[in-house]
Structure formats: C-alpha cells, structure tokens
N, C-alpha and C. Protein backbone atom coordinates (compact mmCIF):
# COMPACT_ATOMS: atom_id res chain seq x y z
N MET A 1 16.95 12.20 -13.45
CA MET A 1 15.88 11.37 -12.85
C MET A 1 16.13 11.25 -11.35
N PRO A 2 15.15 11.61 -10.54
CA PRO A 2 15.37 11.52 -9.08
C PRO A 2 15.48 10.06 -8.64
N ASN A 3 16.11 9.89 -7.50
CA ASN A 3 16.22 8.54 -6.94
C ASN A 3 14.83 7.98 -6.72
N LEU A 4 14.59 6.80 -7.26
CA LEU A 4 13.29 6.16 -7.16
C LEU A 4 13.31 5.15 -6.02
N TYR A 5 12.32 5.25 -5.16
CA TYR A 5 12.24 4.35 -4.01
C TYR A 5 10.90 3.65 -3.98
N ASN A 6 10.86 2.59 -3.21
CA ASN A 6 9.66 1.78 -3.03
C ASN A 6 9.49 1.61 -1.52
N LEU A 7 8.31 1.94 -1.02
CA LEU A 7 8.01 1.82 0.40
C LEU A 7 6.80 0.90 0.56
N ALA A 8 6.99 -0.18 1.30
CA ALA A 8 5.88 -1.11 1.59
C ALA A 8 5.61 -1.04 3.08
N TYR A 9 4.34 -0.86 3.42
CA TYR A 9 3.99 -0.82 4.84
C TYR A 9 2.63 -1.48 5.06
N ILE A 10 2.39 -1.82 6.31
CA ILE A 10 1.07 -2.30 6.72
C ILE A 10 0.62 -1.45 7.89
N SER A 11 -0.68 -1.29 8.03
CA SER A 11 -1.22 -0.58 9.18
C SER A 11 -2.58 -1.17 9.54
N LYS A 12 -2.87 -1.09 10.80
CA LYS A 12 -4.13 -1.62 11.30
C LYS A 12 -5.24 -0.60 11.04
N ASN A 13 -6.35 -1.08 10.52
CA ASN A 13 -7.50 -0.21 10.30
C ASN A 13 -8.04 0.29 11.65
N THR A 14 -8.18 1.59 11.79
CA THR A 14 -8.78 2.16 13.00
C THR A 14 -10.07 2.91 12.69
N ILE A 15 -10.62 2.66 11.51
CA ILE A 15 -11.88 3.29 11.12
C ILE A 15 -13.01 2.67 11.93
N LYS A 16 -13.79 3.52 12.58
CA LYS A 16 -14.92 3.04 13.38
C LYS A 16 -16.13 2.86 12.47
N GLY A 17 -16.84 1.79 12.67
CA GLY A 17 -18.05 1.58 11.88
C GLY A 17 -18.06 0.24 11.19
N ASP A 18 -19.13 -0.01 10.44
CA ASP A 18 -19.30 -1.29 9.76
C ASP A 18 -18.47 -1.35 8.47
N SER A 19 -18.59 -2.47 7.77
CA SER A 19 -17.78 -2.67 6.56
C SER A 19 -18.10 -1.63 5.49
N GLU A 20 -19.33 -1.16 5.46
CA GLU A 20 -19.70 -0.14 4.48
C GLU A 20 -18.96 1.17 4.77
N LYS A 21 -18.85 1.52 6.05
CA LYS A 21 -18.10 2.72 6.46
C LYS A 21 -16.63 2.57 6.07
N VAL A 22 -16.06 1.39 6.28
CA VAL A 22 -14.67 1.13 5.92
C VAL A 22 -14.49 1.30 4.41
N ARG A 23 -15.40 0.74 3.62
CA ARG A 23 -15.33 0.87 2.16
C ARG A 23 -15.40 2.34 1.72
N GLU A 24 -16.25 3.11 2.37
CA GLU A 24 -16.36 4.54 2.05
C GLU A 24 -15.04 5.26 2.32
N GLU A 25 -14.41 4.93 3.45
CA GLU A 25 -13.12 5.56 3.79
C GLU A 25 -12.03 5.13 2.82
N ILE A 26 -12.05 3.87 2.39
CA ILE A 26 -11.06 3.40 1.41
C ILE A 26 -11.24 4.17 0.11
N LYS A 27 -12.50 4.40 -0.30
CA LYS A 27 -12.78 5.19 -1.50
C LYS A 27 -12.22 6.61 -1.34
N SER A 28 -12.36 7.15 -0.12
CA SER A 28 -11.85 8.49 0.16
C SER A 28 -10.32 8.53 0.08
N ILE A 29 -9.67 7.50 0.62
CA ILE A 29 -8.20 7.40 0.55
C ILE A 29 -7.75 7.35 -0.91
N LEU A 30 -8.43 6.52 -1.70
CA LEU A 30 -8.09 6.39 -3.12
C LEU A 30 -8.32 7.69 -3.88
N ALA A 31 -9.42 8.36 -3.60
CA ALA A 31 -9.73 9.63 -4.28
C ALA A 31 -8.65 10.67 -3.98
N SER A 32 -8.23 10.73 -2.73
CA SER A 32 -7.19 11.65 -2.32
C SER A 32 -5.87 11.32 -3.03
N ALA A 33 -5.54 10.02 -3.10
CA ALA A 33 -4.31 9.59 -3.77
C ALA A 33 -4.35 9.92 -5.26
N HIS A 34 -5.51 9.69 -5.89
CA HIS A 34 -5.64 9.97 -7.32
C HIS A 34 -5.49 11.46 -7.61
N LYS A 35 -5.92 12.28 -6.65
CA LYS A 35 -5.84 13.72 -6.81
C LYS A 35 -4.41 14.23 -6.57
N ASN A 36 -3.75 13.72 -5.52
CA ASN A 36 -2.48 14.28 -5.08
C ASN A 36 -1.23 13.58 -5.62
N ASN A 37 -1.29 12.28 -5.80
CA ASN A 37 -0.08 11.52 -6.15
C ASN A 37 0.57 11.91 -7.48
N PRO A 38 -0.21 12.14 -8.56
CA PRO A 38 0.44 12.48 -9.83
C PRO A 38 1.36 13.70 -9.73
N ASP A 39 0.93 14.74 -9.02
CA ASP A 39 1.74 15.95 -8.87
C ASP A 39 3.01 15.68 -8.07
N MET A 40 2.98 14.68 -7.20
CA MET A 40 4.14 14.36 -6.36
C MET A 40 5.04 13.30 -6.99
N GLY A 41 4.61 12.73 -8.13
CA GLY A 41 5.40 11.69 -8.77
C GLY A 41 5.31 10.36 -8.03
N VAL A 42 4.16 10.12 -7.38
CA VAL A 42 3.96 8.91 -6.58
C VAL A 42 3.00 7.96 -7.29
N THR A 43 3.35 6.68 -7.31
CA THR A 43 2.47 5.63 -7.81
C THR A 43 2.39 4.55 -6.75
N GLY A 44 1.45 3.61 -6.90
CA GLY A 44 1.38 2.54 -5.91
C GLY A 44 0.10 1.75 -5.97
N ALA A 45 -0.07 0.93 -4.94
CA ALA A 45 -1.25 0.09 -4.84
C ALA A 45 -1.62 -0.10 -3.39
N LEU A 46 -2.91 -0.30 -3.16
CA LEU A 46 -3.45 -0.47 -1.82
C LEU A 46 -4.31 -1.73 -1.79
N LEU A 47 -4.09 -2.54 -0.76
CA LEU A 47 -4.91 -3.71 -0.51
C LEU A 47 -5.44 -3.59 0.91
N TYR A 48 -6.74 -3.80 1.07
CA TYR A 48 -7.32 -3.87 2.41
C TYR A 48 -7.59 -5.34 2.67
N SER A 49 -6.91 -5.89 3.66
CA SER A 49 -6.96 -7.33 3.88
C SER A 49 -7.04 -7.64 5.37
N GLY A 50 -8.14 -8.25 5.79
CA GLY A 50 -8.27 -8.71 7.17
C GLY A 50 -8.07 -7.64 8.22
N GLY A 51 -8.60 -6.44 7.98
CA GLY A 51 -8.49 -5.38 8.97
C GLY A 51 -7.19 -4.59 8.89
N TYR A 52 -6.40 -4.82 7.84
CA TYR A 52 -5.14 -4.10 7.67
C TYR A 52 -5.07 -3.45 6.30
N PHE A 53 -4.45 -2.29 6.26
CA PHE A 53 -4.09 -1.67 5.00
C PHE A 53 -2.71 -2.19 4.65
N CYS A 54 -2.54 -2.68 3.44
CA CYS A 54 -1.25 -3.13 2.94
C CYS A 54 -0.99 -2.26 1.72
N GLN A 55 0.06 -1.45 1.78
CA GLN A 55 0.24 -0.49 0.70
C GLN A 55 1.70 -0.45 0.24
N VAL A 56 1.85 -0.24 -1.05
CA VAL A 56 3.15 -0.02 -1.66
C VAL A 56 3.07 1.33 -2.36
N ILE A 57 4.03 2.20 -2.05
CA ILE A 57 4.10 3.48 -2.74
C ILE A 57 5.49 3.62 -3.34
N GLU A 58 5.54 4.26 -4.51
CA GLU A 58 6.79 4.43 -5.25
C GLU A 58 6.95 5.89 -5.60
N GLY A 59 8.20 6.35 -5.56
CA GLY A 59 8.46 7.73 -5.94
C GLY A 59 9.79 8.20 -5.39
N PRO A 60 10.05 9.52 -5.49
CA PRO A 60 11.29 10.08 -4.96
C PRO A 60 11.37 9.86 -3.44
N GLU A 61 12.59 9.60 -2.96
CA GLU A 61 12.79 9.27 -1.55
C GLU A 61 12.19 10.30 -0.59
N ASP A 62 12.49 11.58 -0.81
CA ASP A 62 12.02 12.61 0.13
C ASP A 62 10.50 12.74 0.11
N VAL A 63 9.89 12.56 -1.05
CA VAL A 63 8.43 12.64 -1.17
C VAL A 63 7.79 11.48 -0.40
N LEU A 64 8.36 10.27 -0.52
CA LEU A 64 7.82 9.11 0.19
C LEU A 64 7.95 9.28 1.70
N GLU A 65 9.07 9.86 2.14
CA GLU A 65 9.26 10.09 3.58
C GLU A 65 8.18 11.02 4.12
N GLU A 66 7.90 12.10 3.37
CA GLU A 66 6.85 13.04 3.77
C GLU A 66 5.47 12.38 3.78
N LEU A 67 5.19 11.62 2.72
CA LEU A 67 3.91 10.94 2.59
C LEU A 67 3.72 9.93 3.73
N TYR A 68 4.79 9.23 4.06
CA TYR A 68 4.72 8.25 5.14
C TYR A 68 4.41 8.93 6.48
N GLU A 69 5.01 10.09 6.72
CA GLU A 69 4.71 10.84 7.95
C GLU A 69 3.23 11.21 8.00
N THR A 70 2.68 11.60 6.86
CA THR A 70 1.26 11.95 6.78
C THR A 70 0.39 10.73 7.11
N ILE A 71 0.77 9.56 6.57
CA ILE A 71 0.04 8.32 6.81
C ILE A 71 0.08 7.97 8.30
N GLN A 72 1.25 8.13 8.92
CA GLN A 72 1.40 7.83 10.34
C GLN A 72 0.48 8.70 11.20
N MET A 73 0.24 9.93 10.76
CA MET A 73 -0.60 10.85 11.53
C MET A 73 -2.08 10.71 11.22
N ASP A 74 -2.41 9.96 10.15
CA ASP A 74 -3.79 9.77 9.73
C ASP A 74 -4.50 8.88 10.75
N ASP A 75 -5.63 9.36 11.29
CA ASP A 75 -6.29 8.59 12.36
C ASP A 75 -7.01 7.34 11.86
N ARG A 76 -6.97 7.08 10.56
CA ARG A 76 -7.54 5.82 10.03
C ARG A 76 -6.53 4.68 10.11
N HIS A 77 -5.27 5.04 10.38
CA HIS A 77 -4.19 4.04 10.43
C HIS A 77 -3.63 3.92 11.85
N GLY A 78 -3.46 2.68 12.32
CA GLY A 78 -2.81 2.44 13.60
C GLY A 78 -1.70 1.43 13.39
N GLU A 79 -0.75 1.41 14.32
CA GLU A 79 0.34 0.43 14.27
C GLU A 79 0.99 0.37 12.88
N VAL A 80 1.32 1.53 12.35
CA VAL A 80 1.92 1.60 11.02
C VAL A 80 3.33 0.98 11.08
N THR A 81 3.57 -0.01 10.24
CA THR A 81 4.84 -0.74 10.25
C THR A 81 5.45 -0.77 8.85
N VAL A 82 6.66 -0.23 8.72
CA VAL A 82 7.36 -0.28 7.44
C VAL A 82 7.93 -1.68 7.26
N LEU A 83 7.64 -2.29 6.14
CA LEU A 83 8.20 -3.60 5.82
C LEU A 83 9.53 -3.43 5.08
N HIS A 84 9.55 -2.52 4.14
CA HIS A 84 10.82 -2.16 3.52
C HIS A 84 10.72 -0.81 2.84
N PHE A 85 11.87 -0.19 2.71
CA PHE A 85 11.99 1.12 2.08
C PHE A 85 13.34 1.11 1.38
N GLU A 86 13.32 0.92 0.06
CA GLU A 86 14.58 0.76 -0.64
C GLU A 86 14.53 1.29 -2.06
N PRO A 87 15.71 1.56 -2.63
CA PRO A 87 15.76 2.05 -4.00
C PRO A 87 15.31 0.98 -4.99
N ILE A 88 14.69 1.43 -6.08
CA ILE A 88 14.26 0.50 -7.13
C ILE A 88 14.73 1.04 -8.47
N GLU A 89 14.86 0.14 -9.42
CA GLU A 89 15.28 0.52 -10.77
C GLU A 89 14.12 1.10 -11.56
N GLU A 90 12.96 0.47 -11.42
CA GLU A 90 11.78 0.95 -12.15
C GLU A 90 10.52 0.70 -11.33
N ARG A 91 9.49 1.43 -11.66
CA ARG A 91 8.22 1.33 -10.93
C ARG A 91 7.51 0.02 -11.28
N GLY A 92 6.85 -0.55 -10.30
CA GLY A 92 6.00 -1.71 -10.52
C GLY A 92 4.56 -1.30 -10.81
N PHE A 93 4.22 -0.06 -10.42
CA PHE A 93 2.83 0.42 -10.55
C PHE A 93 2.79 1.72 -11.34
N SER A 94 3.60 1.81 -12.40
CA SER A 94 3.77 3.07 -13.12
C SER A 94 2.47 3.62 -13.70
N GLU A 95 1.51 2.74 -13.96
CA GLU A 95 0.27 3.20 -14.60
C GLU A 95 -0.78 3.70 -13.60
N TRP A 96 -0.52 3.56 -12.32
CA TRP A 96 -1.55 3.85 -11.33
C TRP A 96 -1.11 4.86 -10.28
N ALA A 97 -1.86 5.97 -10.18
CA ALA A 97 -1.61 6.93 -9.09
C ALA A 97 -1.83 6.19 -7.77
N MET A 98 -2.84 5.33 -7.73
CA MET A 98 -3.05 4.42 -6.60
C MET A 98 -4.08 3.39 -7.05
N ALA A 99 -3.59 2.19 -7.28
CA ALA A 99 -4.46 1.10 -7.70
C ALA A 99 -5.05 0.43 -6.47
N LEU A 100 -6.29 0.00 -6.57
CA LEU A 100 -6.89 -0.78 -5.50
C LEU A 100 -6.72 -2.25 -5.87
N ALA A 101 -5.92 -2.95 -5.07
CA ALA A 101 -5.68 -4.37 -5.35
C ALA A 101 -6.85 -5.22 -4.87
N GLY A 102 -7.61 -4.72 -3.89
CA GLY A 102 -8.77 -5.46 -3.43
C GLY A 102 -9.15 -5.11 -2.00
N ILE A 103 -10.33 -5.58 -1.63
CA ILE A 103 -10.82 -5.44 -0.25
C ILE A 103 -11.24 -6.84 0.16
N GLU A 104 -10.55 -7.39 1.16
CA GLU A 104 -10.78 -8.77 1.58
C GLU A 104 -11.08 -8.83 3.07
N ASP A 105 -11.92 -9.76 3.45
CA ASP A 105 -12.24 -9.94 4.87
C ASP A 105 -11.13 -10.67 5.61
N ASP A 106 -10.48 -11.60 4.93
CA ASP A 106 -9.46 -12.41 5.59
C ASP A 106 -8.07 -11.93 5.24
N MET A 107 -7.20 -11.92 6.24
CA MET A 107 -5.82 -11.48 6.03
C MET A 107 -5.07 -12.45 5.12
N ARG A 108 -4.45 -11.91 4.12
CA ARG A 108 -3.73 -12.68 3.11
C ARG A 108 -2.31 -13.03 3.56
N PHE A 109 -1.73 -12.23 4.43
CA PHE A 109 -0.33 -12.40 4.82
C PHE A 109 -0.22 -12.92 6.25
N ASP A 110 0.88 -13.60 6.54
CA ASP A 110 1.16 -14.05 7.90
C ASP A 110 1.87 -12.92 8.62
N LEU A 111 1.11 -12.15 9.37
CA LEU A 111 1.68 -10.98 10.03
C LEU A 111 2.18 -11.27 11.44
N ASP A 112 1.85 -12.45 11.97
CA ASP A 112 2.25 -12.77 13.34
C ASP A 112 3.74 -12.62 13.55
N GLY A 113 4.52 -13.07 12.60
CA GLY A 113 5.97 -13.01 12.74
C GLY A 113 6.55 -11.65 12.42
N VAL A 114 5.71 -10.73 11.94
CA VAL A 114 6.19 -9.43 11.50
C VAL A 114 5.82 -8.33 12.48
N LEU A 115 4.55 -8.26 12.86
CA LEU A 115 4.10 -7.20 13.74
C LEU A 115 4.77 -7.30 15.10
N GLY A 116 5.32 -6.21 15.54
CA GLY A 116 5.99 -6.20 16.84
C GLY A 116 7.35 -6.87 16.80
N SER A 117 7.76 -7.33 15.64
CA SER A 117 9.03 -8.03 15.50
C SER A 117 10.12 -7.03 15.13
N LYS A 118 11.31 -7.33 15.54
CA LYS A 118 12.44 -6.51 15.13
C LYS A 118 13.28 -7.29 14.12
N ASP A 119 12.73 -8.39 13.63
CA ASP A 119 13.43 -9.23 12.67
C ASP A 119 13.36 -8.57 11.30
N GLU A 120 14.40 -7.81 10.96
CA GLU A 120 14.38 -7.03 9.72
C GLU A 120 14.32 -7.92 8.48
N LEU A 121 14.97 -9.06 8.53
CA LEU A 121 14.96 -9.97 7.39
C LEU A 121 13.54 -10.47 7.13
N LYS A 122 12.84 -10.85 8.19
CA LYS A 122 11.46 -11.34 8.07
C LYS A 122 10.56 -10.22 7.52
N MET A 123 10.76 -9.00 8.03
CA MET A 123 9.96 -7.87 7.57
C MET A 123 10.23 -7.59 6.09
N LYS A 124 11.50 -7.64 5.71
CA LYS A 124 11.88 -7.37 4.33
C LYS A 124 11.28 -8.42 3.39
N GLU A 125 11.32 -9.69 3.82
CA GLU A 125 10.73 -10.76 3.01
C GLU A 125 9.23 -10.55 2.85
N THR A 126 8.56 -10.19 3.95
CA THR A 126 7.12 -9.93 3.89
C THR A 126 6.85 -8.73 2.99
N GLY A 127 7.70 -7.73 3.06
CA GLY A 127 7.56 -6.54 2.21
C GLY A 127 7.67 -6.90 0.74
N LYS A 128 8.67 -7.70 0.40
CA LYS A 128 8.85 -8.13 -0.99
C LYS A 128 7.66 -8.98 -1.44
N ASP A 129 7.18 -9.84 -0.54
CA ASP A 129 6.01 -10.67 -0.83
C ASP A 129 4.79 -9.77 -1.07
N LEU A 130 4.63 -8.77 -0.23
CA LEU A 130 3.52 -7.83 -0.37
C LEU A 130 3.57 -7.13 -1.72
N VAL A 131 4.75 -6.65 -2.11
CA VAL A 131 4.90 -5.96 -3.39
C VAL A 131 4.53 -6.91 -4.53
N ALA A 132 5.05 -8.13 -4.49
CA ALA A 132 4.78 -9.11 -5.55
C ALA A 132 3.29 -9.44 -5.64
N VAL A 133 2.67 -9.66 -4.49
CA VAL A 133 1.24 -10.00 -4.46
C VAL A 133 0.40 -8.83 -4.98
N LEU A 134 0.73 -7.62 -4.54
CA LEU A 134 -0.04 -6.46 -5.00
C LEU A 134 0.12 -6.26 -6.51
N GLU A 135 1.34 -6.43 -7.01
CA GLU A 135 1.53 -6.30 -8.47
C GLU A 135 0.67 -7.31 -9.21
N LYS A 136 0.67 -8.54 -8.73
CA LYS A 136 -0.12 -9.60 -9.37
C LYS A 136 -1.63 -9.29 -9.27
N MET A 137 -2.08 -8.89 -8.08
CA MET A 137 -3.51 -8.61 -7.89
C MET A 137 -3.97 -7.43 -8.73
N VAL A 138 -3.14 -6.40 -8.80
CA VAL A 138 -3.50 -5.21 -9.59
C VAL A 138 -3.62 -5.59 -11.06
N LYS A 139 -2.66 -6.36 -11.55
CA LYS A 139 -2.71 -6.79 -12.95
C LYS A 139 -3.96 -7.62 -13.22
N GLN A 140 -4.29 -8.54 -12.29
CA GLN A 140 -5.50 -9.35 -12.46
C GLN A 140 -6.75 -8.47 -12.43
N HIS A 141 -6.78 -7.54 -11.48
CA HIS A 141 -7.91 -6.63 -11.32
C HIS A 141 -8.07 -5.79 -12.59
N GLN A 142 -6.96 -5.28 -13.11
CA GLN A 142 -7.01 -4.46 -14.32
C GLN A 142 -7.46 -5.27 -15.52
N SER A 143 -6.97 -6.51 -15.63
CA SER A 143 -7.36 -7.32 -16.79
C SER A 143 -8.85 -7.67 -16.74
N VAL A 144 -9.37 -7.85 -15.53
CA VAL A 144 -10.81 -8.11 -15.38
C VAL A 144 -11.59 -6.86 -15.81
N LEU A 145 -11.12 -5.70 -15.38
CA LEU A 145 -11.81 -4.45 -15.72
C LEU A 145 -11.75 -4.15 -17.20
N SER A 146 -10.61 -4.49 -17.84
CA SER A 146 -10.46 -4.17 -19.25
C SER A 146 -11.00 -5.28 -20.15
N GLY A 147 -11.35 -6.41 -19.53
CA GLY A 147 -11.93 -7.51 -20.30
C GLY A 147 -10.92 -8.42 -20.95
N SER A 148 -9.63 -8.20 -20.65
CA SER A 148 -8.60 -9.09 -21.21
C SER A 148 -8.03 -9.94 -20.09
N ALA A 149 -7.35 -11.02 -20.45
CA ALA A 149 -6.82 -11.91 -19.43
C ALA A 149 -5.31 -11.81 -19.37
C-alpha cells in the first residue's frame, strides 16, 4: 500500500464573471476530478466558500505533489496556500473521487490569521478544521441526496 497523504489547501477564486459562470467552472473542475482522480488513486472534497476554493485531496504523496503543482498553475486559482500536507492512516473521503461539499457566498473559515501568515501551527489548525468541516458537510450533503439522515 503506497504512503497515503492528505493535502488541504485554500485558493482565491480568479474566475471572471458572475456567480453562474463560477458555478459552471466549479462543475468543470468536478467533472475533471471525477474523470481523472480514480486512475490516480485520489479522493477528496471541494468547498467553494466566500470567493475561495477550500479543498482536501487524499492519495499517494507523489501524486498529490504533482496534482498540487497543476492546481497552482490553473488560472482559476490564485494565492494557493497549503494548510497542511501530512500522512494519514485512512481516507476521510474514500467514497468520492471529488465530493462537492457546497457552494456558499459567505466565507466559513477565519482566513485573516492564515493568509499571508507564516504561523504554521495556525495554518495546520485551520487545515484540520477544514478537513473536519468538509467531512461533515459531505456526509450531510450525501445523506440529503440519498434521503437518509
């Protein structure tokens, strides 16, 4: 079994256009992830919150490093900031090539202390918070879709 890692990052939306255009691009990101992630052994979740992409991806370390480089070069993402990148025992999003946790107008996280900060502890805490929130939101979203609570 390859080393399993978890990468949590946030990035500023740089998609030009109205909220409908942003939603279309998010659908495109998800479609691409659903197509490519299974072959790479990547799972995860994406939340669009207050003009930021908040994403957790899981998989082999080298694959995540490559994927992260691709994300950094994607012109839909600006100010890409890693919150944490660390080994994990098991996947939190094993059932999803890329789950959509939600699309929100207001930012859910306090990013003021994180963006532009070199405080690794604060970033790591926010990263863990992001992972926990996304896991919870995805489970709620899935239970709503499947009709169970």
